[in-house]
């Protein structure tokens, strides 16, 4: 509570705050990929020199991990009363 009796509002609970964070994150991602065009890369393999390669590689790897985890959950899942 604040001094005037109103409940304090955490900044993430205010309308529009999450949208601002998402827009900022997208802006940072675009800036990092754009910066990839302005320096000389010295990759071991030819595909490493492709602009935005590591951003694309990271995104595809993250998606693959999520898909693998959902499939692994089907194998490792236990009933709710397993430990009872």
Protein backbone atom coordinates (compact mmCIF):
# COMPACT_ATOMS: atom_id res chain seq x y z
CA UNK A 1 0.00 0.00 0.00
CA UNK A 2 1.11 3.51 -0.73
CA UNK A 3 0.78 6.42 1.70
CA UNK A 4 -2.55 7.52 0.20
CA UNK A 5 -4.13 4.09 0.78
CA UNK A 6 -4.10 2.92 -2.83
CA UNK A 7 -2.64 -0.50 -3.57
CA UNK A 8 0.81 -0.31 -5.12
CA UNK A 9 1.03 -1.60 -8.67
CA UNK A 10 3.99 -3.61 -9.82
CA UNK A 11 5.19 -2.32 -13.20
CA UNK A 12 4.56 -5.66 -14.93
CA UNK A 13 0.93 -5.60 -13.81
CA UNK A 14 0.20 -2.30 -15.57
CA UNK A 15 -1.56 -2.56 -18.94
CA UNK A 16 0.86 -2.40 -21.84
CA UNK A 17 4.03 -3.22 -19.92
CA UNK A 18 4.38 -6.74 -21.28
CA UNK A 19 3.79 -5.47 -24.81
CA UNK A 20 6.58 -2.93 -24.36
CA UNK A 21 8.95 -5.66 -23.20
CA UNK A 22 8.10 -7.83 -26.20
CA UNK A 23 8.61 -4.91 -28.60
CA UNK A 24 11.94 -4.10 -26.96
CA UNK A 25 13.06 -7.72 -27.24
CA UNK A 26 12.10 -7.83 -30.93
CA UNK A 27 14.00 -4.58 -31.47
CA UNK A 28 17.13 -5.98 -29.81
CA UNK A 29 16.90 -9.16 -31.89
CA UNK A 30 16.55 -7.18 -35.12
CA UNK A 31 19.50 -4.95 -34.14
CA UNK A 32 21.71 -7.96 -33.42
CA UNK A 33 20.87 -9.58 -36.77
CA UNK A 34 21.40 -6.23 -38.55
CA UNK A 35 24.79 -5.83 -36.86
CA UNK A 36 25.77 -9.16 -38.40
CA UNK A 37 26.00 -7.41 -41.81
CA UNK A 38 28.65 -4.91 -40.68
CA UNK A 39 31.64 -6.99 -39.64
CA UNK A 40 33.81 -9.64 -41.25
CA UNK A 41 33.23 -13.15 -40.00
CA UNK A 42 35.89 -15.86 -39.89
CA UNK A 43 33.86 -19.06 -39.61
CA UNK A 44 35.28 -22.55 -39.91
CA UNK A 45 32.59 -23.57 -42.38
CA UNK A 46 31.05 -21.63 -45.24
CA UNK A 47 27.53 -21.60 -43.77
CA UNK A 48 28.79 -19.80 -40.66
CA UNK A 49 29.44 -16.72 -42.81
CA UNK A 50 25.74 -16.45 -43.77
CA UNK A 51 24.25 -13.28 -42.21
CA UNK A 52 21.98 -14.19 -39.32
CA UNK A 53 23.18 -17.81 -39.24
CA UNK A 54 23.62 -17.96 -35.48
CA UNK A 55 20.25 -16.30 -34.83
CA UNK A 56 18.53 -18.83 -37.07
CA UNK A 57 20.55 -21.69 -35.60
CA UNK A 58 19.62 -20.64 -32.06
CA UNK A 59 15.93 -20.35 -32.92
CA UNK A 60 15.82 -23.75 -34.66
CA UNK A 61 17.72 -25.34 -31.76
CA UNK A 62 15.28 -23.88 -29.22
CA UNK A 63 12.28 -25.15 -31.19
CA UNK A 64 13.91 -28.59 -31.47
CA UNK A 65 14.50 -28.68 -27.69
CA UNK A 66 10.87 -27.83 -26.97
CA UNK A 67 9.62 -30.52 -29.36
CA UNK A 68 12.04 -33.08 -27.89
CA UNK A 69 10.93 -32.17 -24.35
CA UNK A 70 7.25 -32.63 -25.18
CA UNK A 71 7.98 -36.05 -26.67
CA UNK A 72 10.17 -37.01 -23.69
CA UNK A 73 7.37 -36.00 -21.34
CA UNK A 74 5.19 -38.74 -22.83
CA UNK A 75 7.79 -41.32 -21.81
CA UNK A 76 8.68 -39.96 -18.36
CA UNK A 77 5.23 -38.81 -17.22
CA UNK A 78 3.89 -40.42 -14.04
CA UNK A 79 0.42 -40.47 -12.52
CA UNK A 80 -0.48 -37.77 -9.98
CA UNK A 81 -0.61 -40.31 -7.14
CA UNK A 82 2.67 -42.00 -8.11
CA UNK A 83 4.37 -41.20 -4.78
CA UNK A 84 1.36 -41.97 -2.56
